[in-house]
N, C-alpha and C. Protein backbone atom coordinates (compact mmCIF):
# COMPACT_ATOMS: atom_id res chain seq x y z
N MET A 1 75.56 122.97 167.04
CA MET A 1 74.93 122.37 165.86
C MET A 1 74.40 123.45 164.90
N PRO A 2 74.74 123.46 163.65
CA PRO A 2 74.27 124.54 162.77
C PRO A 2 72.71 124.50 162.64
N ASN A 3 72.13 125.72 162.54
CA ASN A 3 70.77 125.83 162.32
C ASN A 3 70.30 125.30 161.00
N ALA A 4 69.37 124.24 161.03
CA ALA A 4 69.07 123.61 159.79
C ALA A 4 68.26 124.51 158.87
N THR A 5 67.45 125.36 159.44
CA THR A 5 66.70 126.31 158.58
C THR A 5 67.55 127.26 157.93
N GLY A 6 68.61 127.75 158.61
CA GLY A 6 69.56 128.74 158.04
C GLY A 6 70.31 128.05 156.90
N PHE A 7 70.66 126.75 157.11
CA PHE A 7 71.43 126.01 156.04
C PHE A 7 70.59 125.84 154.78
N ILE A 8 69.33 125.46 154.93
CA ILE A 8 68.45 125.32 153.84
C ILE A 8 68.27 126.62 153.09
N ALA A 9 68.10 127.72 153.87
CA ALA A 9 67.97 129.01 153.18
C ALA A 9 69.14 129.38 152.41
N ALA A 10 70.34 129.16 152.95
CA ALA A 10 71.60 129.45 152.20
C ALA A 10 71.68 128.65 150.94
N LEU A 11 71.21 127.35 150.96
CA LEU A 11 71.28 126.45 149.89
C LEU A 11 70.36 126.98 148.72
N LEU A 12 69.15 127.42 149.16
CA LEU A 12 68.24 127.95 148.18
C LEU A 12 68.77 129.15 147.48
N VAL A 13 69.46 130.00 148.21
CA VAL A 13 70.08 131.17 147.62
C VAL A 13 71.15 130.81 146.58
N LEU A 14 71.95 129.71 146.91
CA LEU A 14 72.95 129.31 145.98
C LEU A 14 72.35 128.79 144.72
N ILE A 15 71.31 127.96 144.88
CA ILE A 15 70.59 127.36 143.74
C ILE A 15 70.03 128.49 142.91
N GLY A 16 69.51 129.48 143.50
CA GLY A 16 68.91 130.62 142.72
C GLY A 16 69.97 131.35 142.01
N MET A 17 71.23 131.41 142.51
CA MET A 17 72.28 132.11 141.84
C MET A 17 72.91 131.34 140.71
N SER A 18 72.70 130.03 140.72
CA SER A 18 73.38 129.21 139.67
C SER A 18 73.16 129.60 138.24
N PRO A 19 71.96 129.94 137.83
CA PRO A 19 71.72 130.38 136.46
C PRO A 19 72.52 131.65 136.13
N LEU A 20 72.69 132.58 137.10
CA LEU A 20 73.49 133.75 136.83
C LEU A 20 74.89 133.40 136.56
N TRP A 21 75.50 132.47 137.39
CA TRP A 21 76.83 132.02 137.09
C TRP A 21 76.99 131.37 135.79
N ALA A 22 76.03 130.52 135.38
CA ALA A 22 76.05 129.91 134.08
C ALA A 22 76.05 130.92 132.92
N ASP A 23 75.29 131.95 133.11
CA ASP A 23 75.27 133.02 132.06
C ASP A 23 76.61 133.71 131.95
N ASP A 24 77.37 133.78 133.07
CA ASP A 24 78.65 134.45 133.00
C ASP A 24 79.78 133.66 132.39
N LEU A 25 79.49 132.32 132.25
CA LEU A 25 80.54 131.42 131.67
C LEU A 25 80.61 131.69 130.16
N PRO A 26 81.89 131.92 129.66
CA PRO A 26 82.01 132.15 128.16
C PRO A 26 81.78 130.89 127.36
N GLY A 27 81.26 131.01 126.16
CA GLY A 27 81.05 129.93 125.31
C GLY A 27 82.42 129.37 124.81
N ARG A 28 82.46 128.18 124.34
CA ARG A 28 83.68 127.51 123.91
C ARG A 28 83.57 126.83 122.49
N ILE A 29 84.64 126.78 121.84
CA ILE A 29 84.74 126.11 120.57
C ILE A 29 85.74 124.97 120.69
N THR A 30 85.32 123.77 120.44
CA THR A 30 86.20 122.53 120.57
C THR A 30 86.42 121.99 119.15
N VAL A 31 87.68 121.87 118.77
CA VAL A 31 88.02 121.41 117.41
C VAL A 31 89.11 120.35 117.50
N THR A 32 89.20 119.49 116.50
CA THR A 32 90.24 118.49 116.36
C THR A 32 91.06 118.82 115.09
N GLY A 33 92.27 118.45 115.10
CA GLY A 33 93.18 118.62 113.99
C GLY A 33 94.01 117.40 113.72
N GLU A 34 94.48 117.23 112.53
CA GLU A 34 95.28 116.09 112.12
C GLU A 34 96.47 116.55 111.28
N GLY A 35 97.60 116.02 111.58
CA GLY A 35 98.82 116.32 110.80
C GLY A 35 99.44 115.00 110.31
N ARG A 36 99.84 115.01 109.03
CA ARG A 36 100.48 113.82 108.45
C ARG A 36 101.82 114.21 107.84
N VAL A 37 102.79 113.25 107.96
CA VAL A 37 104.05 113.42 107.37
C VAL A 37 104.41 112.11 106.69
N PHE A 38 105.03 112.26 105.51
CA PHE A 38 105.51 111.07 104.80
C PHE A 38 107.05 111.07 104.70
N ALA A 39 107.64 109.89 104.90
CA ALA A 39 109.06 109.80 104.80
C ALA A 39 109.48 108.46 104.16
N VAL A 40 110.61 108.44 103.52
CA VAL A 40 111.17 107.21 102.99
C VAL A 40 111.72 106.40 104.12
N PRO A 41 111.27 105.13 104.26
CA PRO A 41 111.81 104.30 105.38
C PRO A 41 113.27 104.06 105.26
N ASP A 42 113.93 103.88 106.37
CA ASP A 42 115.37 103.53 106.40
C ASP A 42 115.69 102.25 107.08
N MET A 43 114.62 101.46 107.40
CA MET A 43 114.79 100.21 108.03
C MET A 43 113.67 99.22 107.74
N ALA A 44 113.91 97.94 107.67
CA ALA A 44 112.89 96.95 107.45
C ALA A 44 112.82 96.02 108.64
N VAL A 45 111.70 95.58 109.02
CA VAL A 45 111.49 94.56 110.08
C VAL A 45 110.92 93.36 109.40
N VAL A 46 111.61 92.24 109.50
CA VAL A 46 111.19 91.01 108.89
C VAL A 46 110.98 89.91 109.87
N THR A 47 109.83 89.24 109.75
CA THR A 47 109.56 88.08 110.64
C THR A 47 109.60 86.83 109.78
N MET A 48 110.38 85.92 110.17
CA MET A 48 110.54 84.61 109.52
C MET A 48 110.56 83.52 110.54
N GLY A 49 110.47 82.30 109.96
CA GLY A 49 110.44 81.12 110.95
C GLY A 49 110.89 79.91 110.35
N ALA A 50 111.07 78.90 111.22
CA ALA A 50 111.48 77.59 110.85
C ALA A 50 110.49 76.55 111.48
N THR A 51 109.93 75.67 110.68
CA THR A 51 109.00 74.66 111.17
C THR A 51 109.42 73.29 110.62
N ALA A 52 109.38 72.30 111.55
CA ALA A 52 109.77 70.94 111.13
C ALA A 52 108.83 69.90 111.79
N GLU A 53 108.58 68.83 111.11
CA GLU A 53 107.74 67.69 111.64
C GLU A 53 108.62 66.49 111.72
N ALA A 54 108.47 65.65 112.75
CA ALA A 54 109.18 64.42 112.88
C ALA A 54 108.35 63.46 113.77
N GLU A 55 108.81 62.19 113.80
CA GLU A 55 108.07 61.16 114.55
C GLU A 55 108.16 61.42 116.09
N THR A 56 109.31 61.98 116.52
CA THR A 56 109.48 62.20 117.92
C THR A 56 109.64 63.71 118.14
N ALA A 57 109.34 64.05 119.45
CA ALA A 57 109.41 65.45 119.82
C ALA A 57 110.89 65.97 119.69
N LYS A 58 111.82 65.16 120.10
CA LYS A 58 113.22 65.54 120.04
C LYS A 58 113.68 65.73 118.63
N ALA A 59 113.29 64.87 117.76
CA ALA A 59 113.69 65.00 116.36
C ALA A 59 113.14 66.26 115.73
N ALA A 60 111.91 66.61 116.06
CA ALA A 60 111.32 67.83 115.54
C ALA A 60 112.06 69.02 116.06
N MET A 61 112.36 69.04 117.34
CA MET A 61 113.07 70.18 117.96
C MET A 61 114.46 70.26 117.38
N ASP A 62 115.19 69.12 117.21
CA ASP A 62 116.46 69.19 116.64
C ASP A 62 116.53 69.78 115.22
N GLU A 63 115.60 69.38 114.46
CA GLU A 63 115.54 69.81 113.02
C GLU A 63 115.26 71.32 112.98
N THR A 64 114.33 71.77 113.82
CA THR A 64 114.03 73.17 113.92
C THR A 64 115.26 73.95 114.38
N SER A 65 115.96 73.41 115.36
CA SER A 65 117.13 74.15 115.85
C SER A 65 118.18 74.24 114.75
N VAL A 66 118.38 73.23 113.94
CA VAL A 66 119.32 73.28 112.85
C VAL A 66 118.96 74.41 111.87
N MET A 67 117.66 74.46 111.53
CA MET A 67 117.15 75.46 110.62
C MET A 67 117.30 76.87 111.13
N THR A 68 116.97 77.00 112.50
CA THR A 68 117.12 78.33 113.14
C THR A 68 118.54 78.79 113.14
N ASN A 69 119.46 77.86 113.50
CA ASN A 69 120.90 78.22 113.45
C ASN A 69 121.41 78.62 112.07
N ALA A 70 120.80 78.00 111.04
CA ALA A 70 121.22 78.40 109.67
C ALA A 70 120.75 79.84 109.41
N ILE A 71 119.53 80.14 109.83
CA ILE A 71 119.03 81.52 109.68
C ILE A 71 119.92 82.54 110.36
N LEU A 72 120.33 82.20 111.59
CA LEU A 72 121.16 83.14 112.39
C LEU A 72 122.50 83.26 111.73
N GLU A 73 123.06 82.17 111.15
CA GLU A 73 124.37 82.24 110.52
C GLU A 73 124.26 83.10 109.27
N ARG A 74 123.26 82.94 108.46
CA ARG A 74 123.12 83.74 107.21
C ARG A 74 122.97 85.24 107.55
N LEU A 75 122.29 85.52 108.64
CA LEU A 75 122.10 86.92 109.09
C LEU A 75 123.45 87.52 109.53
N ALA A 76 124.24 86.72 110.27
CA ALA A 76 125.52 87.21 110.72
C ALA A 76 126.46 87.46 109.52
N GLU A 77 126.42 86.52 108.58
CA GLU A 77 127.28 86.71 107.40
C GLU A 77 126.85 87.93 106.55
N ALA A 78 125.64 88.29 106.64
CA ALA A 78 125.15 89.48 105.92
C ALA A 78 125.44 90.79 106.66
N GLY A 79 126.04 90.65 107.85
CA GLY A 79 126.41 91.87 108.59
C GLY A 79 125.30 92.39 109.55
N VAL A 80 124.27 91.65 109.77
CA VAL A 80 123.24 92.07 110.71
C VAL A 80 123.72 91.93 112.16
N ALA A 81 123.64 93.00 112.94
CA ALA A 81 124.10 93.00 114.27
C ALA A 81 123.23 92.09 115.21
N GLU A 82 123.84 91.51 116.22
CA GLU A 82 123.13 90.65 117.12
C GLU A 82 121.93 91.36 117.79
N ARG A 83 122.06 92.67 118.08
CA ARG A 83 121.01 93.35 118.75
C ARG A 83 119.76 93.51 117.85
N ASP A 84 119.92 93.35 116.56
CA ASP A 84 118.79 93.45 115.64
C ASP A 84 118.19 92.11 115.32
N VAL A 85 118.48 91.04 116.05
CA VAL A 85 117.98 89.69 115.80
C VAL A 85 117.34 89.15 117.13
N GLN A 86 116.14 88.70 117.04
CA GLN A 86 115.50 88.13 118.25
C GLN A 86 114.72 86.91 117.83
N THR A 87 114.91 85.82 118.62
CA THR A 87 114.14 84.62 118.43
C THR A 87 112.96 84.59 119.47
N SER A 88 111.90 84.02 119.10
CA SER A 88 110.68 83.95 120.00
C SER A 88 109.69 82.89 119.49
N ASP A 89 108.74 82.70 120.32
CA ASP A 89 107.64 81.73 119.94
C ASP A 89 108.15 80.32 119.62
N LEU A 90 109.02 79.80 120.43
CA LEU A 90 109.42 78.37 120.25
C LEU A 90 108.29 77.50 120.71
N ARG A 91 107.86 76.62 119.81
CA ARG A 91 106.66 75.82 120.08
C ARG A 91 106.89 74.36 119.72
N LEU A 92 106.17 73.50 120.43
CA LEU A 92 106.19 72.05 120.10
C LEU A 92 104.79 71.53 120.44
N MET A 93 104.24 70.89 119.38
CA MET A 93 102.87 70.40 119.48
C MET A 93 102.75 69.02 118.79
N PRO A 94 101.84 68.18 119.25
CA PRO A 94 101.66 66.89 118.62
C PRO A 94 100.83 67.00 117.31
N VAL A 95 101.15 66.16 116.40
CA VAL A 95 100.43 66.08 115.12
C VAL A 95 99.56 64.82 115.20
N ARG A 96 98.27 65.01 115.30
CA ARG A 96 97.26 63.94 115.53
C ARG A 96 96.77 63.42 114.17
N SER A 97 96.47 62.14 114.26
CA SER A 97 95.91 61.45 113.09
C SER A 97 94.47 61.93 112.80
N ASN A 98 94.12 61.93 111.53
CA ASN A 98 92.73 62.25 111.15
C ASN A 98 91.75 61.07 111.37
N ARG A 99 92.34 59.92 111.64
CA ARG A 99 91.51 58.72 111.88
C ARG A 99 90.83 58.80 113.27
N THR A 100 89.54 58.93 113.27
CA THR A 100 88.79 59.03 114.48
C THR A 100 87.65 58.04 114.58
N SER A 101 87.28 57.72 115.80
CA SER A 101 86.09 56.89 115.98
C SER A 101 85.33 57.38 117.23
N SER A 102 84.22 56.88 117.46
CA SER A 102 83.38 57.39 118.54
C SER A 102 83.96 57.08 119.91
N ASP A 103 84.80 56.10 120.04
CA ASP A 103 85.26 55.65 121.32
C ASP A 103 86.82 55.81 121.51
N THR A 104 87.57 56.42 120.59
CA THR A 104 88.97 56.57 120.74
C THR A 104 89.34 58.00 120.35
N ARG A 105 90.36 58.49 120.95
CA ARG A 105 90.90 59.84 120.64
C ARG A 105 91.88 59.69 119.43
N PRO A 106 92.04 60.73 118.59
CA PRO A 106 93.02 60.67 117.48
C PRO A 106 94.40 60.34 117.97
N GLU A 107 95.08 59.43 117.30
CA GLU A 107 96.42 59.04 117.67
C GLU A 107 97.46 60.14 117.31
N ILE A 108 98.49 60.11 117.99
CA ILE A 108 99.59 61.07 117.67
C ILE A 108 100.48 60.45 116.64
N ASP A 109 100.57 61.06 115.42
CA ASP A 109 101.41 60.58 114.37
C ASP A 109 102.80 61.08 114.42
N GLY A 110 103.00 62.18 115.14
CA GLY A 110 104.33 62.75 115.19
C GLY A 110 104.25 64.15 116.01
N TYR A 111 105.33 64.92 115.74
CA TYR A 111 105.43 66.22 116.45
C TYR A 111 105.85 67.37 115.52
N GLN A 112 105.31 68.53 115.76
CA GLN A 112 105.70 69.69 114.96
C GLN A 112 106.36 70.74 115.87
N ALA A 113 107.52 71.18 115.55
CA ALA A 113 108.25 72.24 116.27
C ALA A 113 108.45 73.39 115.42
N SER A 114 108.40 74.61 115.98
CA SER A 114 108.56 75.83 115.21
C SER A 114 109.28 76.90 116.06
N ASN A 115 109.95 77.78 115.40
CA ASN A 115 110.63 78.86 116.07
C ASN A 115 110.55 80.15 115.13
N ARG A 116 110.45 81.30 115.77
CA ARG A 116 110.31 82.53 114.97
C ARG A 116 111.50 83.41 115.17
N VAL A 117 111.94 84.08 114.10
CA VAL A 117 113.07 85.04 114.17
C VAL A 117 112.58 86.34 113.61
N THR A 118 112.74 87.38 114.38
CA THR A 118 112.48 88.81 113.93
C THR A 118 113.73 89.53 113.75
N VAL A 119 113.93 90.18 112.65
CA VAL A 119 115.24 90.79 112.40
C VAL A 119 114.95 92.28 111.88
N ARG A 120 115.78 93.15 112.32
CA ARG A 120 115.76 94.55 111.79
C ARG A 120 116.93 94.66 110.83
N VAL A 121 116.55 95.01 109.56
CA VAL A 121 117.57 95.23 108.58
C VAL A 121 117.75 96.76 108.32
N ARG A 122 118.93 97.26 108.71
CA ARG A 122 119.12 98.66 108.60
C ARG A 122 119.74 99.03 107.23
N ASP A 123 120.39 98.10 106.54
CA ASP A 123 120.93 98.37 105.23
C ASP A 123 119.92 97.84 104.19
N LEU A 124 119.01 98.68 103.72
CA LEU A 124 118.00 98.21 102.86
C LEU A 124 118.44 97.69 101.54
N ALA A 125 119.68 98.18 101.14
CA ALA A 125 120.22 97.65 99.88
C ALA A 125 120.51 96.18 99.94
N SER A 126 120.69 95.66 101.17
CA SER A 126 121.06 94.27 101.28
C SER A 126 119.83 93.44 101.61
N LEU A 127 118.61 93.99 101.70
CA LEU A 127 117.45 93.28 102.10
C LEU A 127 117.16 92.13 101.25
N GLY A 128 117.07 92.34 99.88
CA GLY A 128 116.81 91.26 98.94
C GLY A 128 117.75 90.11 99.07
N ASN A 129 119.04 90.38 99.18
CA ASN A 129 120.05 89.32 99.34
C ASN A 129 119.82 88.54 100.64
N ILE A 130 119.47 89.22 101.69
CA ILE A 130 119.31 88.62 103.02
C ILE A 130 118.09 87.65 102.90
N LEU A 131 116.98 88.13 102.37
CA LEU A 131 115.78 87.26 102.27
C LEU A 131 116.08 86.02 101.42
N ASP A 132 116.78 86.30 100.30
CA ASP A 132 117.10 85.15 99.42
C ASP A 132 117.94 84.08 100.18
N ALA A 133 118.95 84.57 100.93
CA ALA A 133 119.84 83.72 101.66
C ALA A 133 119.13 82.89 102.71
N VAL A 134 118.37 83.50 103.56
CA VAL A 134 117.69 82.80 104.65
C VAL A 134 116.58 81.89 104.16
N LEU A 135 115.89 82.25 103.13
CA LEU A 135 114.88 81.36 102.61
C LEU A 135 115.42 80.18 101.82
N THR A 136 116.66 80.36 101.30
CA THR A 136 117.31 79.24 100.56
C THR A 136 117.87 78.30 101.56
N ASP A 137 118.44 78.77 102.67
CA ASP A 137 119.17 77.96 103.57
C ASP A 137 118.68 78.27 105.02
N GLY A 138 117.56 77.68 105.45
CA GLY A 138 117.11 77.87 106.80
C GLY A 138 115.63 78.12 106.93
N ALA A 139 115.14 79.32 106.66
CA ALA A 139 113.75 79.61 106.94
C ALA A 139 112.78 78.93 105.91
N ASN A 140 111.66 78.45 106.39
CA ASN A 140 110.62 77.95 105.48
C ASN A 140 109.31 78.64 105.72
N GLN A 141 109.34 79.71 106.52
CA GLN A 141 108.15 80.58 106.76
C GLN A 141 108.55 81.99 106.76
N LEU A 142 107.72 82.89 106.10
CA LEU A 142 108.01 84.26 106.10
C LEU A 142 106.72 84.96 106.60
N GLY A 143 106.78 85.47 107.85
CA GLY A 143 105.62 85.97 108.54
C GLY A 143 105.25 87.42 108.16
N GLY A 144 106.14 88.20 107.71
CA GLY A 144 105.79 89.58 107.37
C GLY A 144 107.03 90.40 107.14
N LEU A 145 106.83 91.50 106.37
CA LEU A 145 107.86 92.45 106.07
C LEU A 145 107.30 93.82 106.17
N GLN A 146 107.84 94.65 107.00
CA GLN A 146 107.36 96.11 107.24
C GLN A 146 108.53 97.01 107.11
N PHE A 147 108.28 98.12 106.35
CA PHE A 147 109.28 99.22 106.25
C PHE A 147 108.95 100.33 107.26
N VAL A 148 109.93 100.70 108.05
CA VAL A 148 109.69 101.72 109.11
C VAL A 148 110.81 102.78 109.08
N VAL A 149 110.64 103.79 109.88
CA VAL A 149 111.59 104.86 110.06
C VAL A 149 112.24 104.59 111.43
N SER A 150 113.57 104.42 111.49
CA SER A 150 114.22 104.06 112.73
C SER A 150 114.14 105.12 113.78
N ASP A 151 114.04 106.40 113.44
CA ASP A 151 113.93 107.46 114.46
C ASP A 151 112.78 108.30 114.07
N PRO A 152 111.57 107.93 114.52
CA PRO A 152 110.30 108.59 114.02
C PRO A 152 110.01 109.84 114.85
N GLU A 153 110.67 110.13 115.99
CA GLU A 153 110.24 111.19 116.86
C GLU A 153 110.26 112.58 116.16
N PRO A 154 111.33 112.96 115.48
CA PRO A 154 111.34 114.24 114.77
C PRO A 154 110.18 114.40 113.76
N LEU A 155 109.89 113.28 113.07
CA LEU A 155 108.82 113.38 112.10
C LEU A 155 107.47 113.42 112.84
N LEU A 156 107.32 112.79 113.95
CA LEU A 156 106.08 112.86 114.69
C LEU A 156 105.86 114.22 115.22
N ASN A 157 106.93 114.91 115.66
CA ASN A 157 106.87 116.31 116.09
C ASN A 157 106.39 117.22 114.95
N GLU A 158 106.86 116.96 113.77
CA GLU A 158 106.41 117.77 112.62
C GLU A 158 104.94 117.52 112.35
N ALA A 159 104.54 116.28 112.57
CA ALA A 159 103.08 115.95 112.36
C ALA A 159 102.30 116.67 113.40
N ARG A 160 102.77 116.72 114.64
CA ARG A 160 102.03 117.41 115.74
C ARG A 160 101.88 118.89 115.46
N VAL A 161 102.96 119.52 114.95
CA VAL A 161 102.81 120.96 114.57
C VAL A 161 101.76 121.18 113.57
N LYS A 162 101.75 120.33 112.57
CA LYS A 162 100.68 120.39 111.51
C LYS A 162 99.36 120.22 112.02
N ALA A 163 99.18 119.26 112.97
CA ALA A 163 97.90 119.00 113.59
C ALA A 163 97.37 120.20 114.37
N VAL A 164 98.24 120.90 115.12
CA VAL A 164 97.84 122.05 115.83
C VAL A 164 97.42 123.16 114.90
N ALA A 165 98.20 123.37 113.83
CA ALA A 165 97.83 124.36 112.80
C ALA A 165 96.52 124.05 112.12
N ASP A 166 96.29 122.74 111.91
CA ASP A 166 95.04 122.38 111.29
C ASP A 166 93.86 122.67 112.20
N ALA A 167 94.02 122.35 113.48
CA ALA A 167 92.93 122.60 114.45
C ALA A 167 92.70 124.12 114.57
N ARG A 168 93.74 124.94 114.63
CA ARG A 168 93.66 126.33 114.79
C ARG A 168 92.86 126.95 113.61
N ALA A 169 93.24 126.51 112.43
CA ALA A 169 92.61 127.00 111.20
C ALA A 169 91.07 126.64 111.24
N ARG A 170 90.79 125.44 111.71
CA ARG A 170 89.36 124.97 111.76
C ARG A 170 88.59 125.84 112.76
N ALA A 171 89.26 126.09 113.91
CA ALA A 171 88.54 126.94 114.97
C ALA A 171 88.29 128.34 114.40
N GLU A 172 89.23 128.89 113.68
CA GLU A 172 89.01 130.28 113.13
C GLU A 172 87.90 130.25 112.11
N LEU A 173 87.89 129.20 111.34
CA LEU A 173 86.77 129.05 110.34
C LEU A 173 85.37 128.98 111.05
N PHE A 174 85.26 128.18 112.07
CA PHE A 174 84.04 128.02 112.74
C PHE A 174 83.61 129.35 113.39
N ALA A 175 84.61 130.06 114.06
CA ALA A 175 84.26 131.34 114.69
C ALA A 175 83.75 132.32 113.66
N GLU A 176 84.40 132.39 112.50
CA GLU A 176 83.90 133.35 111.45
C GLU A 176 82.56 132.95 110.92
N ALA A 177 82.29 131.64 110.73
CA ALA A 177 81.02 131.25 110.27
C ALA A 177 79.91 131.50 111.27
N ALA A 178 80.29 131.40 112.54
CA ALA A 178 79.26 131.69 113.62
C ALA A 178 79.11 133.14 113.94
N GLY A 179 79.95 134.02 113.35
CA GLY A 179 79.90 135.43 113.61
C GLY A 179 80.38 135.83 115.01
N VAL A 180 81.41 135.04 115.52
CA VAL A 180 81.94 135.43 116.76
C VAL A 180 83.48 135.54 116.67
N THR A 181 84.12 135.99 117.68
CA THR A 181 85.56 136.10 117.69
C THR A 181 86.21 134.96 118.48
N LEU A 182 87.33 134.58 118.02
CA LEU A 182 88.03 133.39 118.73
C LEU A 182 88.83 133.97 119.89
N GLY A 183 88.52 133.42 121.10
CA GLY A 183 89.20 133.85 122.32
C GLY A 183 90.46 133.08 122.59
N PRO A 184 90.91 133.12 123.76
CA PRO A 184 92.23 132.46 124.15
C PRO A 184 92.05 130.89 124.15
N LEU A 185 93.23 130.29 124.01
CA LEU A 185 93.18 128.78 124.07
C LEU A 185 93.03 128.31 125.48
N VAL A 186 92.07 127.47 125.71
CA VAL A 186 91.82 126.91 127.05
C VAL A 186 92.59 125.62 127.39
N SER A 187 92.60 124.74 126.41
CA SER A 187 93.29 123.42 126.57
C SER A 187 93.75 122.91 125.28
N LEU A 188 94.80 122.09 125.31
CA LEU A 188 95.29 121.36 124.15
C LEU A 188 95.66 120.02 124.60
N SER A 189 95.15 118.97 123.91
CA SER A 189 95.47 117.60 124.23
C SER A 189 95.69 116.83 123.00
N GLU A 190 96.62 115.83 123.08
CA GLU A 190 97.00 114.99 121.92
C GLU A 190 96.07 113.78 122.01
N ALA A 191 95.35 113.51 120.87
CA ALA A 191 94.40 112.43 120.82
C ALA A 191 95.10 111.13 120.48
N GLY A 192 96.30 111.24 119.95
CA GLY A 192 97.03 110.03 119.58
C GLY A 192 97.97 110.27 118.44
N ALA A 193 99.03 109.50 118.35
CA ALA A 193 99.98 109.57 117.29
C ALA A 193 100.18 108.11 116.65
N GLN A 194 100.24 108.07 115.39
CA GLN A 194 100.39 106.79 114.68
C GLN A 194 101.78 106.67 114.11
N PHE A 195 102.45 105.58 114.46
CA PHE A 195 103.79 105.37 114.00
C PHE A 195 103.81 104.83 112.57
N PRO A 196 104.98 104.80 111.91
CA PRO A 196 105.02 104.47 110.47
C PRO A 196 104.31 103.14 110.14
N ARG A 197 103.61 103.18 109.08
CA ARG A 197 103.11 101.89 108.44
C ARG A 197 103.55 101.96 107.01
N SER A 198 103.70 100.74 106.46
CA SER A 198 104.22 100.63 105.12
C SER A 198 103.23 101.12 104.10
N GLU A 199 103.68 101.91 103.09
CA GLU A 199 102.83 102.41 102.01
C GLU A 199 103.59 101.96 100.74
N MET A 200 102.97 100.94 100.08
CA MET A 200 103.62 100.43 98.88
C MET A 200 103.34 101.36 97.70
N MET A 201 104.39 102.06 97.22
CA MET A 201 104.25 103.09 96.21
C MET A 201 104.82 102.67 94.85
N GLY A 202 105.62 101.55 94.87
CA GLY A 202 106.20 101.13 93.61
C GLY A 202 107.06 99.91 93.80
N LEU A 203 107.65 99.44 92.78
CA LEU A 203 108.45 98.25 92.81
C LEU A 203 109.92 98.58 92.56
N ALA A 204 110.73 98.17 93.47
CA ALA A 204 112.18 98.41 93.36
C ALA A 204 112.97 97.09 93.68
N ARG A 205 114.14 97.05 93.24
CA ARG A 205 114.95 95.82 93.48
C ARG A 205 116.09 96.19 94.46
N ALA A 206 116.18 95.38 95.49
CA ALA A 206 117.25 95.63 96.45
C ALA A 206 118.59 95.03 95.96
N SER A 207 119.54 95.90 95.77
CA SER A 207 120.81 95.43 95.20
C SER A 207 120.64 94.67 93.94
N ASP A 208 121.32 93.55 93.77
CA ASP A 208 121.15 92.75 92.54
C ASP A 208 120.46 91.45 92.84
N ALA A 209 119.63 91.47 93.98
CA ALA A 209 118.96 90.23 94.39
C ALA A 209 117.78 89.97 93.45
N GLY A 210 117.34 88.63 93.36
CA GLY A 210 116.30 88.28 92.54
C GLY A 210 114.95 88.55 93.08
N MET A 211 114.83 88.89 94.40
CA MET A 211 113.58 89.11 95.06
C MET A 211 113.16 90.62 94.97
N PRO A 212 111.97 90.85 94.34
CA PRO A 212 111.56 92.30 94.26
C PRO A 212 111.08 92.81 95.63
N ILE A 213 111.43 94.05 95.97
CA ILE A 213 111.08 94.60 97.16
C ILE A 213 110.39 95.97 96.91
N ALA A 214 109.24 96.20 97.51
CA ALA A 214 108.55 97.46 97.39
C ALA A 214 108.82 98.33 98.67
N GLN A 215 109.61 99.32 98.58
CA GLN A 215 109.96 100.14 99.76
C GLN A 215 108.97 101.17 100.12
N GLY A 216 108.57 101.98 99.11
CA GLY A 216 107.51 102.92 99.29
C GLY A 216 107.80 103.97 100.31
N GLU A 217 106.77 104.52 100.90
CA GLU A 217 106.88 105.57 101.93
C GLU A 217 106.18 105.14 103.22
N ALA A 218 106.62 105.72 104.32
CA ALA A 218 105.99 105.43 105.62
C ALA A 218 105.25 106.72 106.02
N GLU A 219 104.01 106.52 106.54
CA GLU A 219 103.19 107.67 107.00
C GLU A 219 103.16 107.80 108.52
N LEU A 220 103.38 109.02 109.06
CA LEU A 220 103.32 109.26 110.48
C LEU A 220 102.22 110.31 110.66
N SER A 221 101.39 110.17 111.66
CA SER A 221 100.22 111.10 111.80
C SER A 221 100.07 111.42 113.29
N ALA A 222 99.49 112.57 113.60
CA ALA A 222 99.18 112.98 114.97
C ALA A 222 97.82 113.67 114.95
N ASN A 223 97.09 113.53 116.10
CA ASN A 223 95.78 114.12 116.24
C ASN A 223 95.69 114.90 117.54
N VAL A 224 95.13 116.13 117.48
CA VAL A 224 95.09 116.95 118.69
C VAL A 224 93.67 117.51 118.83
N THR A 225 93.33 117.90 120.09
CA THR A 225 92.06 118.55 120.35
C THR A 225 92.36 119.86 121.01
N LEU A 226 91.79 120.92 120.47
CA LEU A 226 91.94 122.30 121.01
C LEU A 226 90.64 122.79 121.52
N VAL A 227 90.64 123.51 122.65
CA VAL A 227 89.39 124.15 123.15
C VAL A 227 89.69 125.65 123.34
N TYR A 228 88.86 126.49 122.62
CA TYR A 228 89.00 127.96 122.64
C TYR A 228 87.79 128.54 123.37
N GLU A 229 88.07 129.64 124.06
CA GLU A 229 86.89 130.46 124.51
C GLU A 229 86.39 131.26 123.32
N ILE A 230 85.13 131.56 123.36
CA ILE A 230 84.56 132.53 122.40
C ILE A 230 84.79 133.91 123.01
N GLY A 231 85.49 134.76 122.20
CA GLY A 231 85.84 136.09 122.70
C GLY A 231 84.65 137.02 122.87
N SER A 232 84.83 137.91 123.79
CA SER A 232 83.74 138.88 123.93
C SER A 232 83.93 140.05 122.95
N GLU A 233 82.84 140.60 122.53
CA GLU A 233 82.89 141.61 121.55
C GLU A 233 83.41 142.94 122.10
């Protein structure tokens, strides 16, 4: 069994040495950097839907199915590939009467069915015509329209390079202001990257369609954190 007195003595020696070790550790500078890149989108993501109400659940579902099929047919006629079309959120719910009393629940007056279609439009010149066609014959809801870049990775890499350069410049500025030299890089971590979001920069018309479409620019950004040692004089 180890001698307890000897163990405690060794521990006290280590504790006494700790401040010396701390003094030997080099100081560090931690900085963050951001890089942003703008690009013209080459694809649109559109969310649309069909909603119908009827006295029976089957009738509501049947009417919604007819409208959804009309949307899919218009998209196919416009040349949109099947892989770029997805249906989701098929719902059926009762429509209750507003007539209420203290002892009865609201009566069911009918049913509402809905379906959602998300489509990627790669030919932006046809976007206005596609929206006009599906809203005229099929869709009665438009959930959203977003312009994106189909292959964002090269642009994100460019944003990452800019973020590192931004952080490096900031570290050099801090070192100069503090009157120290910048030592070697200790660590580099990515704090996050943001994919394209729509930036409405102007009004343009897609092809000869009657619906105005603002394409604008998409912004991609990256954030990094760099840690440098403070160099010795």
